[in-house]
Amino acid sequence: MNPRFDIVALGEAMIEFNEARAADSRTWLQGFGGDTSNMAIAAARLGARVAYVTRVGNDAFGRRLVELWRDEGVATDGVVVDDDAPTGVYFVAHGPHGHEFSYLRAGSAASRMTPASLSQDVLRATRVLHLSAISQAIASSACDACFAAIDVARDGGARIAYDTNLRLKLWPLRRAKAVILETLRIVDWALPGYDDATHLFDDDDPMRIVDACHGHGCGVVVLKLGRDGCLVSDGATRLRIDGVRVQSVDATGAGDCFDGAFAARMVAGDDPFAAARYANVAAALATTGYGAVAPLPRAADVERFVAA
């Protein structure tokens, strides 16, 4: 059987307003966000066959998101339009301590996902299912939907990729730990960020964090270290990959880009180490423009940078 999709991502997409400052003014650039949506678009730009599973409001923002996915080549077979709930919105401000997020997402259409609302045909037709802890944190019903999606996709033969993206504004640490650590037991590829992982495992040592992920059952672990690169392990071999230096202006969505690039290269046949090297470059390039989606690179951009 040849699956229709290389990657299916599940989660919440949102409309983004990103602050851009000039010498004497401040404007807000309208874009698109949501970690798993960013991941899906990144993977599609890099050559993978991708679909997205979510709910959006029957509003202008929801229609813009559906149009975005179609323009980017991301299939919308798994997108449900909700007549009774809005599409979420968030704002990104930039200050001396990095970026600050403000969300208008309570009661969003995506938070109303349930196991019954999922497109099982889409979930069974993929080689990889990608989701994140944010997908689980937005509502209890969405959390249930994530576990149901894992079961359906795995029954169809898919690998499960999981980003432990921790947002403590969405749920308390104790509950987040319980859900995330349980999820790690049933996924194939763990893609934690370092800052999140220090909270989840009460440890700041990258090697021990990778050990902890393997201890929970993950066969492949990629610990993302931001500008310092990543630490990759397949259980037998462990490799530290240095960061890539670029003229970075906005790191919004860089980790999501890494996830998309990593999954795209894994389904293309790379081993985890080659996939992570490629993803390192793609994620770095994603920081050279403003917003979560606009600067996501295409395969030619990555190849050009590597060849330079």
C-alpha atoms as a PDB file:
ATOM      1  CA  MET A   1       0.000   0.000   0.000  1.00  0.00           C
ATOM      2  CA  ASN A   2       1.296   3.478  -0.912  1.00  0.00           C
ATOM      3  CA  PRO A   3      -0.043   6.101   1.544  1.00  0.00           C
ATOM      4  CA  ARG A   4      -1.508   9.281   0.042  1.00  0.00           C
ATOM      5  CA  PHE A   5       0.524  11.454   2.399  1.00  0.00           C
ATOM      6  CA  ASP A   6       4.070  11.453   3.703  1.00  0.00           C
ATOM      7  CA  ILE A   7       3.090  13.537   6.741  1.00  0.00           C
ATOM      8  CA  VAL A   8      -0.155  14.443   8.447  1.00  0.00           C
ATOM      9  CA  ALA A   9       0.034  17.112  11.162  1.00  0.00           C
ATOM     10  CA  LEU A  10      -2.679  17.692  13.763  1.00  0.00           C
ATOM     11  CA  GLY A  11      -3.234  20.740  15.957  1.00  0.00           C
ATOM     12  CA  GLU A  12      -4.351  24.352  16.122  1.00  0.00           C
ATOM     13  CA  ALA A  13      -3.584  26.947  13.467  1.00  0.00           C
ATOM     14  CA  MET A  14      -3.947  30.636  14.266  1.00  0.00           C
ATOM     15  CA  ILE A  15      -3.750  34.060  12.710  1.00  0.00           C
ATOM     16  CA  GLU A  16      -0.544  35.837  13.742  1.00  0.00           C
ATOM     17  CA  PHE A  17       0.162  39.534  14.236  1.00  0.00           C
ATOM     18  CA  ASN A  18       3.916  40.007  14.555  1.00  0.00           C
ATOM     19  CA  GLU A  19       5.442  43.253  15.784  1.00  0.00           C
ATOM     20  CA  ALA A  20       7.940  44.920  13.465  1.00  0.00           C
ATOM     21  CA  ARG A  21       9.799  47.981  14.696  1.00  0.00           C
ATOM     22  CA  ALA A  22      11.440  50.719  12.700  1.00  0.00           C
ATOM     23  CA  ALA A  23      13.448  53.599  14.141  1.00  0.00           C
ATOM     24  CA  ASP A  24      10.407  55.701  14.979  1.00  0.00           C
ATOM     25  CA  SER A  25       7.395  53.447  14.416  1.00  0.00           C
ATOM     26  CA  ARG A  26       5.801  50.120  15.253  1.00  0.00           C
ATOM     27  CA  THR A  27       3.583  48.038  12.979  1.00  0.00           C
ATOM     28  CA  TRP A  28       1.945  44.616  13.173  1.00  0.00           C
ATOM     29  CA  LEU A  29       2.483  42.249  10.268  1.00  0.00           C
ATOM     30  CA  GLN A  30      -0.393  39.840   9.706  1.00  0.00           C
ATOM     31  CA  GLY A  31       0.748  36.302   9.190  1.00  0.00           C
ATOM     32  CA  PHE A  32      -0.114  32.756  10.177  1.00  0.00           C
ATOM     33  CA  GLY A  33       0.966  30.551  13.030  1.00  0.00           C
ATOM     34  CA  GLY A  34       0.303  27.475  15.094  1.00  0.00           C
ATOM     35  CA  ASP A  35       3.178  25.085  15.657  1.00  0.00           C
ATOM     36  CA  THR A  36       1.849  22.068  13.772  1.00  0.00           C
ATOM     37  CA  SER A  37       0.560  24.202  10.895  1.00  0.00           C
ATOM     38  CA  ASN A  38       4.012  25.779  10.604  1.00  0.00           C
ATOM     39  CA  MET A  39       5.502  22.296  10.614  1.00  0.00           C
ATOM     40  CA  ALA A  40       3.155  21.116   7.881  1.00  0.00           C
ATOM     41  CA  ILE A  41       3.947  24.074   5.619  1.00  0.00           C
ATOM     42  CA  ALA A  42       7.680  23.697   6.221  1.00  0.00           C
ATOM     43  CA  ALA A  43       7.528  20.023   5.243  1.00  0.00           C
ATOM     44  CA  ALA A  44       5.454  20.791   2.141  1.00  0.00           C
ATOM     45  CA  ARG A  45       7.877  23.512   1.007  1.00  0.00           C
ATOM     46  CA  LEU A  46      10.671  20.967   1.348  1.00  0.00           C
ATOM     47  CA  GLY A  47       8.981  18.442  -0.919  1.00  0.00           C
ATOM     48  CA  ALA A  48       6.820  16.223   1.299  1.00  0.00           C
ATOM     49  CA  ARG A  49       3.191  15.318   0.582  1.00  0.00           C
ATOM     50  CA  VAL A  50       1.393  16.829   3.568  1.00  0.00           C
ATOM     51  CA  ALA A  51      -2.119  17.112   4.998  1.00  0.00           C
ATOM     52  CA  TYR A  52      -3.409  18.988   8.026  1.00  0.00           C
ATOM     53  CA  VAL A  53      -6.067  17.978  10.563  1.00  0.00           C
ATOM     54  CA  THR A  54      -7.778  20.715  12.563  1.00  0.00           C
ATOM     55  CA  ARG A  55     -10.908  22.844  13.012  1.00  0.00           C
ATOM     56  CA  VAL A  56     -11.190  26.491  11.983  1.00  0.00           C
ATOM     57  CA  GLY A  57     -13.953  29.022  12.473  1.00  0.00           C
ATOM     58  CA  ASN A  58     -16.409  29.907   9.742  1.00  0.00           C
ATOM     59  CA  ASP A  59     -14.887  33.379   9.590  1.00  0.00           C
ATOM     60  CA  ALA A  60     -12.466  35.429   7.506  1.00  0.00           C
ATOM     61  CA  PHE A  61      -9.455  34.174   9.469  1.00  0.00           C
ATOM     62  CA  GLY A  62     -10.468  30.555   9.020  1.00  0.00           C
ATOM     63  CA  ARG A  63     -10.915  31.065   5.294  1.00  0.00           C
ATOM     64  CA  ARG A  64      -7.488  32.692   5.063  1.00  0.00           C
ATOM     65  CA  LEU A  65      -5.917  29.668   6.747  1.00  0.00           C
ATOM     66  CA  VAL A  66      -7.613  27.216   4.391  1.00  0.00           C
ATOM     67  CA  GLU A  67      -6.475  29.335   1.445  1.00  0.00           C
ATOM     68  CA  LEU A  68      -2.930  29.385   2.860  1.00  0.00           C
ATOM     69  CA  TRP A  69      -2.756  25.594   3.125  1.00  0.00           C
ATOM     70  CA  ARG A  70      -4.078  25.125  -0.369  1.00  0.00           C
ATOM     71  CA  ASP A  71      -1.601  27.662  -1.747  1.00  0.00           C
ATOM     72  CA  GLU A  72       1.216  25.842   0.069  1.00  0.00           C
ATOM     73  CA  GLY A  73       0.188  22.425  -1.215  1.00  0.00           C
ATOM     74  CA  VAL A  74      -1.044  21.158   2.154  1.00  0.00           C
ATOM     75  CA  ALA A  75      -4.169  19.019   1.718  1.00  0.00           C
ATOM     76  CA  THR A  76      -7.203  20.189   3.696  1.00  0.00           C
ATOM     77  CA  ASP A  77      -9.174  16.921   3.652  1.00  0.00           C
ATOM     78  CA  GLY A  78      -8.908  16.795   7.450  1.00  0.00           C
ATOM     79  CA  VAL A  79      -9.946  20.420   8.114  1.00  0.00           C
ATOM     80  CA  VAL A  80     -13.412  20.947   9.616  1.00  0.00           C
ATOM     81  CA  VAL A  81     -15.132  24.352   9.494  1.00  0.00           C
ATOM     82  CA  ASP A  82     -16.920  25.152  12.766  1.00  0.00           C
ATOM     83  CA  ASP A  83     -19.938  27.465  12.493  1.00  0.00           C
ATOM     84  CA  ASP A  84     -20.073  28.095  16.247  1.00  0.00           C
ATOM     85  CA  ALA A  85     -16.484  28.895  17.296  1.00  0.00           C
ATOM     86  CA  PRO A  86     -13.831  31.363  16.084  1.00  0.00           C
ATOM     87  CA  THR A  87     -10.389  30.889  14.642  1.00  0.00           C
ATOM     88  CA  GLY A  88      -7.689  31.701  17.214  1.00  0.00           C
ATOM     89  CA  VAL A  89      -5.452  34.785  17.044  1.00  0.00           C
ATOM     90  CA  TYR A  90      -2.108  35.622  18.667  1.00  0.00           C
ATOM     91  CA  PHE A  91       0.318  38.541  18.840  1.00  0.00           C
ATOM     92  CA  VAL A  92       4.118  38.429  18.972  1.00  0.00           C
ATOM     93  CA  ALA A  93       5.935  41.364  20.593  1.00  0.00           C
ATOM     94  CA  HIS A  94       9.734  41.665  20.703  1.00  0.00           C
ATOM     95  CA  GLY A  95      11.616  42.974  23.720  1.00  0.00           C
ATOM     96  CA  PRO A  96      14.954  42.761  25.543  1.00  0.00           C
ATOM     97  CA  HIS A  97      14.192  39.217  26.747  1.00  0.00           C
ATOM     98  CA  GLY A  98      13.043  37.790  23.432  1.00  0.00           C
ATOM     99  CA  HIS A  99       9.555  37.447  22.054  1.00  0.00           C
ATOM    100  CA  GLU A 100       6.396  37.675  24.113  1.00  0.00           C
ATOM    101  CA  PHE A 101       3.193  35.958  22.994  1.00  0.00           C
ATOM    102  CA  SER A 102      -0.355  37.150  23.698  1.00  0.00           C
ATOM    103  CA  TYR A 103      -3.207  34.830  22.730  1.00  0.00           C
ATOM    104  CA  LEU A 104      -6.897  35.178  21.921  1.00  0.00           C
ATOM    105  CA  ARG A 105      -7.675  31.485  21.617  1.00  0.00           C
ATOM    106  CA  ALA A 106     -10.113  30.559  24.426  1.00  0.00           C
ATOM    107  CA  GLY A 107     -12.991  28.573  22.945  1.00  0.00           C
ATOM    108  CA  SER A 108     -11.373  28.419  19.516  1.00  0.00           C
ATOM    109  CA  ALA A 109     -12.674  26.076  16.870  1.00  0.00           C
ATOM    110  CA  ALA A 110      -9.536  23.928  17.126  1.00  0.00           C
ATOM    111  CA  SER A 111     -10.036  23.475  20.865  1.00  0.00           C
ATOM    112  CA  ARG A 112     -13.339  21.739  20.001  1.00  0.00           C
ATOM    113  CA  MET A 113     -11.617  18.841  18.276  1.00  0.00           C
ATOM    114  CA  THR A 114     -12.806  15.454  19.554  1.00  0.00           C
ATOM    115  CA  PRO A 115     -11.974  11.867  18.605  1.00  0.00           C
ATOM    116  CA  ALA A 116     -15.260  11.682  16.696  1.00  0.00           C
ATOM    117  CA  SER A 117     -14.448  14.805  14.655  1.00  0.00           C
ATOM    118  CA  LEU A 118     -11.213  13.406  13.194  1.00  0.00           C
ATOM    119  CA  SER A 119     -10.909  12.294   9.589  1.00  0.00           C
ATOM    120  CA  GLN A 120      -9.868   8.688  10.028  1.00  0.00           C
ATOM    121  CA  ASP A 121      -9.327   8.261   6.294  1.00  0.00           C
ATOM    122  CA  VAL A 122      -6.647  10.968   6.362  1.00  0.00           C
ATOM    123  CA  LEU A 123      -5.002   9.580   9.496  1.00  0.00           C
ATOM    124  CA  ARG A 124      -4.813   6.087   8.012  1.00  0.00           C
ATOM    125  CA  ALA A 125      -3.294   7.387   4.776  1.00  0.00           C
ATOM    126  CA  THR A 126       0.009   8.769   6.075  1.00  0.00           C
ATOM    127  CA  ARG A 127       3.533   7.536   6.685  1.00  0.00           C
ATOM    128  CA  VAL A 128       4.049   9.939   9.608  1.00  0.00           C
ATOM    129  CA  LEU A 129       1.663  11.617  12.052  1.00  0.00           C
ATOM    130  CA  HIS A 130       3.024  14.727  13.742  1.00  0.00           C
ATOM    131  CA  LEU A 131       1.510  16.395  16.789  1.00  0.00           C
ATOM    132  CA  SER A 132       2.671  18.457  19.736  1.00  0.00           C
ATOM    133  CA  ALA A 133       1.893  19.049  23.373  1.00  0.00           C
ATOM    134  CA  ILE A 134       0.157  22.291  22.381  1.00  0.00           C
ATOM    135  CA  SER A 135      -2.313  20.195  20.402  1.00  0.00           C
ATOM    136  CA  GLN A 136      -3.068  18.397  23.686  1.00  0.00           C
ATOM    137  CA  ALA A 137      -3.055  21.449  25.946  1.00  0.00           C
ATOM    138  CA  ILE A 138      -5.709  23.573  24.233  1.00  0.00           C
ATOM    139  CA  ALA A 139      -8.601  21.484  25.629  1.00  0.00           C
ATOM    140  CA  SER A 140      -9.330  18.117  27.219  1.00  0.00           C
ATOM    141  CA  SER A 141     -11.316  17.050  24.154  1.00  0.00           C
ATOM    142  CA  ALA A 142      -8.380  17.997  21.903  1.00  0.00           C
ATOM    143  CA  CYS A 143      -6.066  15.953  24.119  1.00  0.00           C
ATOM    144  CA  ASP A 144      -8.382  12.971  23.699  1.00  0.00           C
ATOM    145  CA  ALA A 145      -8.372  13.586  19.955  1.00  0.00           C
ATOM    146  CA  CYS A 146      -4.563  13.461  19.884  1.00  0.00           C
ATOM    147  CA  PHE A 147      -4.436  10.064  21.579  1.00  0.00           C
ATOM    148  CA  ALA A 148      -7.173   8.772  19.271  1.00  0.00           C
ATOM    149  CA  ALA A 149      -5.281  10.066  16.222  1.00  0.00           C
ATOM    150  CA  ILE A 150      -2.127   8.263  17.347  1.00  0.00           C
ATOM    151  CA  ASP A 151      -4.052   5.002  17.616  1.00  0.00           C
ATOM    152  CA  VAL A 152      -5.643   5.384  14.169  1.00  0.00           C
ATOM    153  CA  ALA A 153      -2.417   6.423  12.435  1.00  0.00           C
ATOM    154  CA  ARG A 154      -0.400   3.660  14.066  1.00  0.00           C
ATOM    155  CA  ASP A 155      -3.011   1.098  13.039  1.00  0.00           C
ATOM    156  CA  GLY A 156      -2.436   2.326   9.486  1.00  0.00           C
ATOM    157  CA  GLY A 157       1.307   1.738   9.817  1.00  0.00           C
ATOM    158  CA  ALA A 158       2.442   5.325  10.458  1.00  0.00           C
ATOM    159  CA  ARG A 159       5.345   6.525  12.553  1.00  0.00           C
ATOM    160  CA  ILE A 160       4.483   9.085  15.236  1.00  0.00           C
ATOM    161  CA  ALA A 161       6.531  12.303  15.613  1.00  0.00           C
ATOM    162  CA  TYR A 162       6.016  14.381  18.739  1.00  0.00           C
ATOM    163  CA  ASP A 163       7.188  17.833  19.805  1.00  0.00           C
ATOM    164  CA  THR A 164       6.942  18.348  23.570  1.00  0.00           C
ATOM    165  CA  ASN A 165       6.241  22.073  23.002  1.00  0.00           C
ATOM    166  CA  LEU A 166       5.402  23.219  26.545  1.00  0.00           C
ATOM    167  CA  ARG A 167       3.110  26.206  27.106  1.00  0.00           C
ATOM    168  CA  LEU A 168       2.487  26.686  30.811  1.00  0.00           C
ATOM    169  CA  LYS A 169      -0.098  29.388  30.100  1.00  0.00           C
ATOM    170  CA  LEU A 170      -2.275  26.594  28.718  1.00  0.00           C
ATOM    171  CA  TRP A 171      -1.988  24.032  31.502  1.00  0.00           C
ATOM    172  CA  PRO A 172      -0.204  23.510  34.836  1.00  0.00           C
ATOM    173  CA  LEU A 173       3.183  21.788  34.827  1.00  0.00           C
ATOM    174  CA  ARG A 174       1.979  18.743  36.777  1.00  0.00           C
ATOM    175  CA  ARG A 175      -0.759  17.967  34.245  1.00  0.00           C
ATOM    176  CA  ALA A 176       1.537  18.771  31.329  1.00  0.00           C
ATOM    177  CA  LYS A 177       4.136  16.346  32.642  1.00  0.00           C
ATOM    178  CA  ALA A 178       1.600  13.564  33.092  1.00  0.00           C
ATOM    179  CA  VAL A 179       0.254  13.899  29.552  1.00  0.00           C
ATOM    180  CA  ILE A 180       3.574  14.522  27.806  1.00  0.00           C
ATOM    181  CA  LEU A 181       5.454  11.711  29.516  1.00  0.00           C
ATOM    182  CA  GLU A 182       2.628   9.287  28.766  1.00  0.00           C
ATOM    183  CA  THR A 183       2.661  10.395  25.128  1.00  0.00           C
ATOM    184  CA  LEU A 184       6.407   9.792  24.884  1.00  0.00           C
ATOM    185  CA  ARG A 185       5.716   6.143  25.627  1.00  0.00           C
ATOM    186  CA  ILE A 186       3.739   5.703  22.419  1.00  0.00           C
ATOM    187  CA  VAL A 187       5.642   7.791  19.842  1.00  0.00           C
ATOM    188  CA  ASP A 188       8.576   6.930  17.591  1.00  0.00           C
ATOM    189  CA  TRP A 189      10.384  10.259  17.199  1.00  0.00           C
ATOM    190  CA  ALA A 190      10.674  12.697  20.100  1.00  0.00           C
ATOM    191  CA  LEU A 191      11.524  16.301  19.147  1.00  0.00           C
ATOM    192  CA  PRO A 192      11.802  18.227  22.436  1.00  0.00           C
ATOM    193  CA  GLY A 193      13.178  21.725  22.814  1.00  0.00           C
ATOM    194  CA  TYR A 194      15.837  22.124  25.488  1.00  0.00           C
ATOM    195  CA  ASP A 195      14.018  24.711  27.610  1.00  0.00           C
ATOM    196  CA  ASP A 196      10.841  22.619  27.677  1.00  0.00           C
ATOM    197  CA  ALA A 197      12.747  19.460  28.490  1.00  0.00           C
ATOM    198  CA  THR A 198      14.466  20.980  31.524  1.00  0.00           C
ATOM    199  CA  HIS A 199      11.011  21.515  33.054  1.00  0.00           C
ATOM    200  CA  LEU A 200       9.663  18.134  32.038  1.00  0.00           C
ATOM    201  CA  PHE A 201      12.596  16.109  33.346  1.00  0.00           C
ATOM    202  CA  ASP A 202      13.858  18.406  36.129  1.00  0.00           C
ATOM    203  CA  ASP A 203      17.313  18.198  34.582  1.00  0.00           C
ATOM    204  CA  ASP A 204      19.454  20.591  32.549  1.00  0.00           C
ATOM    205  CA  ASP A 205      21.947  18.056  31.200  1.00  0.00           C
ATOM    206  CA  PRO A 206      21.276  17.376  27.496  1.00  0.00           C
ATOM    207  CA  MET A 207      22.641  13.824  27.634  1.00  0.00           C
ATOM    208  CA  ARG A 208      20.433  12.876  30.557  1.00  0.00           C
ATOM    209  CA  ILE A 209      17.413  14.474  28.883  1.00  0.00           C
ATOM    210  CA  VAL A 210      17.981  12.289  25.812  1.00  0.00           C
ATOM    211  CA  ASP A 211      18.377   9.262  28.099  1.00  0.00           C
ATOM    212  CA  ALA A 212      15.073  10.116  29.767  1.00  0.00           C
ATOM    213  CA  CYS A 213      13.269  10.269  26.411  1.00  0.00           C
ATOM    214  CA  HIS A 214      14.685   6.902  25.419  1.00  0.00           C
ATOM    215  CA  GLY A 215      13.689   5.591  28.839  1.00  0.00           C
ATOM    216  CA  HIS A 216      10.095   6.473  28.055  1.00  0.00           C
ATOM    217  CA  GLY A 217      10.239   4.376  24.892  1.00  0.00           C
ATOM    218  CA  CYS A 218      11.243   6.754  22.072  1.00  0.00           C
ATOM    219  CA  GLY A 219      13.467   5.137  19.473  1.00  0.00           C
ATOM    220  CA  VAL A 220      14.741   8.401  17.962  1.00  0.00           C
ATOM    221  CA  VAL A 221      15.333  11.545  20.034  1.00  0.00           C
ATOM    222  CA  VAL A 222      16.352  14.950  18.679  1.00  0.00           C
ATOM    223  CA  LEU A 223      16.915  17.515  21.423  1.00  0.00           C
ATOM    224  CA  LYS A 224      16.715  20.967  19.830  1.00  0.00           C
ATOM    225  CA  LEU A 225      19.230  23.406  21.305  1.00  0.00           C
ATOM    226  CA  GLY A 226      18.270  26.569  19.426  1.00  0.00           C
ATOM    227  CA  ARG A 227      21.215  28.461  17.999  1.00  0.00           C
ATOM    228  CA  ASP A 228      23.516  25.786  19.478  1.00  0.00           C
ATOM    229  CA  GLY A 229      22.204  23.104  17.143  1.00  0.00           C
ATOM    230  CA  CYS A 230      20.830  19.784  18.344  1.00  0.00           C
ATOM    231  CA  LEU A 231      21.674  16.469  19.977  1.00  0.00           C
ATOM    232  CA  VAL A 232      20.529  13.418  18.010  1.00  0.00           C
ATOM    233  CA  SER A 233      20.266   9.826  19.193  1.00  0.00           C
ATOM    234  CA  ASP A 234      18.861   6.649  17.667  1.00  0.00           C
ATOM    235  CA  GLY A 235      19.503   4.671  20.840  1.00  0.00           C
ATOM    236  CA  ALA A 236      22.795   3.216  19.608  1.00  0.00           C
ATOM    237  CA  THR A 237      24.591   6.326  18.331  1.00  0.00           C
ATOM    238  CA  ARG A 238      24.541   9.845  19.707  1.00  0.00           C
ATOM    239  CA  LEU A 239      25.750  12.925  17.807  1.00  0.00           C
ATOM    240  CA  ARG A 240      25.937  16.622  18.654  1.00  0.00           C
ATOM    241  CA  ILE A 241      25.313  18.799  15.594  1.00  0.00           C
ATOM    242  CA  ASP A 242      26.494  22.403  15.833  1.00  0.00           C
ATOM    243  CA  GLY A 243      24.229  25.352  15.120  1.00  0.00           C
ATOM    244  CA  VAL A 244      24.237  27.290  11.852  1.00  0.00           C
ATOM    245  CA  ARG A 245      25.156  30.975  11.905  1.00  0.00           C
ATOM    246  CA  VAL A 246      22.862  33.334   9.989  1.00  0.00           C
ATOM    247  CA  GLN A 247      21.645  36.928  10.312  1.00  0.00           C
ATOM    248  CA  SER A 248      18.706  36.073  12.544  1.00  0.00           C
ATOM    249  CA  VAL A 249      15.909  38.606  13.113  1.00  0.00           C
ATOM    250  CA  ASP A 250      13.002  36.513  14.468  1.00  0.00           C
ATOM    251  CA  ALA A 251      13.064  32.966  15.826  1.00  0.00           C
ATOM    252  CA  THR A 252       9.275  32.522  15.712  1.00  0.00           C
ATOM    253  CA  GLY A 253       8.515  29.101  14.244  1.00  0.00           C
ATOM    254  CA  ALA A 254      12.131  27.955  13.923  1.00  0.00           C
ATOM    255  CA  GLY A 255      11.548  24.847  16.022  1.00  0.00           C
ATOM    256  CA  ASP A 256       8.438  24.034  13.981  1.00  0.00           C
ATOM    257  CA  CYS A 257      10.478  24.406  10.806  1.00  0.00           C
ATOM    258  CA  PHE A 258      13.037  21.992  12.257  1.00  0.00           C
ATOM    259  CA  ASP A 259      10.277  19.442  12.901  1.00  0.00           C
ATOM    260  CA  GLY A 260       8.933  19.753   9.355  1.00  0.00           C
ATOM    261  CA  ALA A 261      12.352  19.517   7.752  1.00  0.00           C
ATOM    262  CA  PHE A 262      13.354  16.554   9.914  1.00  0.00           C
ATOM    263  CA  ALA A 263      10.189  14.611   9.070  1.00  0.00           C
ATOM    264  CA  ALA A 264      10.434  15.501   5.380  1.00  0.00           C
ATOM    265  CA  ARG A 265      13.972  14.166   5.177  1.00  0.00           C
ATOM    266  CA  MET A 266      13.169  11.045   7.207  1.00  0.00           C
ATOM    267  CA  VAL A 267      10.372  10.069   4.804  1.00  0.00           C
ATOM    268  CA  ALA A 268      12.744  10.837   1.924  1.00  0.00           C
ATOM    269  CA  GLY A 269      15.066   8.133   3.258  1.00  0.00           C
ATOM    270  CA  ASP A 270      17.641   9.991   5.367  1.00  0.00           C
ATOM    271  CA  ASP A 271      18.851   8.562   8.652  1.00  0.00           C
ATOM    272  CA  PRO A 272      18.118  10.670  11.766  1.00  0.00           C
ATOM    273  CA  PHE A 273      21.554  12.290  11.732  1.00  0.00           C
ATOM    274  CA  ALA A 274      21.411  13.435   8.106  1.00  0.00           C
ATOM    275  CA  ALA A 275      17.806  14.561   8.610  1.00  0.00           C
ATOM    276  CA  ALA A 276      18.793  16.606  11.661  1.00  0.00           C
ATOM    277  CA  ARG A 277      21.708  18.270   9.828  1.00  0.00           C
ATOM    278  CA  TYR A 278      19.330  19.324   7.084  1.00  0.00           C
ATOM    279  CA  ALA A 279      16.718  20.475   9.598  1.00  0.00           C
ATOM    280  CA  ASN A 280      19.351  22.519  11.419  1.00  0.00           C
ATOM    281  CA  VAL A 281      19.994  24.535   8.265  1.00  0.00           C
ATOM    282  CA  ALA A 282      16.304  24.924   7.434  1.00  0.00           C
ATOM    283  CA  ALA A 283      15.477  26.129  10.963  1.00  0.00           C
ATOM    284  CA  ALA A 284      18.317  28.657  10.884  1.00  0.00           C
ATOM    285  CA  LEU A 285      17.105  30.061   7.562  1.00  0.00           C
ATOM    286  CA  ALA A 286      13.596  30.389   9.046  1.00  0.00           C
ATOM    287  CA  THR A 287      14.944  32.965  11.512  1.00  0.00           C
ATOM    288  CA  THR A 288      16.108  35.370   8.792  1.00  0.00           C
ATOM    289  CA  GLY A 289      12.660  36.933   8.257  1.00  0.00           C
ATOM    290  CA  TYR A 290       9.681  37.999  10.352  1.00  0.00           C
ATOM    291  CA  GLY A 291       6.790  35.727  11.218  1.00  0.00           C
ATOM    292  CA  ALA A 292       6.251  32.014  11.523  1.00  0.00           C
ATOM    293  CA  VAL A 293       5.427  31.164   7.892  1.00  0.00           C
ATOM    294  CA  ALA A 294       6.809  33.753   5.477  1.00  0.00           C
ATOM    295  CA  PRO A 295      10.513  32.919   6.026  1.00  0.00           C
ATOM    296  CA  LEU A 296      10.112  29.111   5.959  1.00  0.00           C
ATOM    297  CA  PRO A 297      12.666  27.956   3.382  1.00  0.00           C
ATOM    298  CA  ARG A 298      12.160  25.844   0.301  1.00  0.00           C
ATOM    299  CA  ALA A 299      14.422  22.977  -0.690  1.00  0.00           C
ATOM    300  CA  ALA A 300      16.359  25.186  -3.116  1.00  0.00           C
ATOM    301  CA  ASP A 301      17.096  27.669  -0.309  1.00  0.00           C
ATOM    302  CA  VAL A 302      18.563  24.948   1.895  1.00  0.00           C
ATOM    303  CA  GLU A 303      20.568  23.455  -0.951  1.00  0.00           C
ATOM    304  CA  ARG A 304      21.920  26.883  -1.927  1.00  0.00           C
ATOM    305  CA  PHE A 305      23.024  27.606   1.648  1.00  0.00           C
ATOM    306  CA  VAL A 306      24.706  24.220   2.043  1.00  0.00           C
ATOM    307  CA  ALA A 307      26.526  24.632  -1.254  1.00  0.00           C
ATOM    308  CA  ALA A 308      27.792  28.141  -0.450  1.00  0.00           C
END
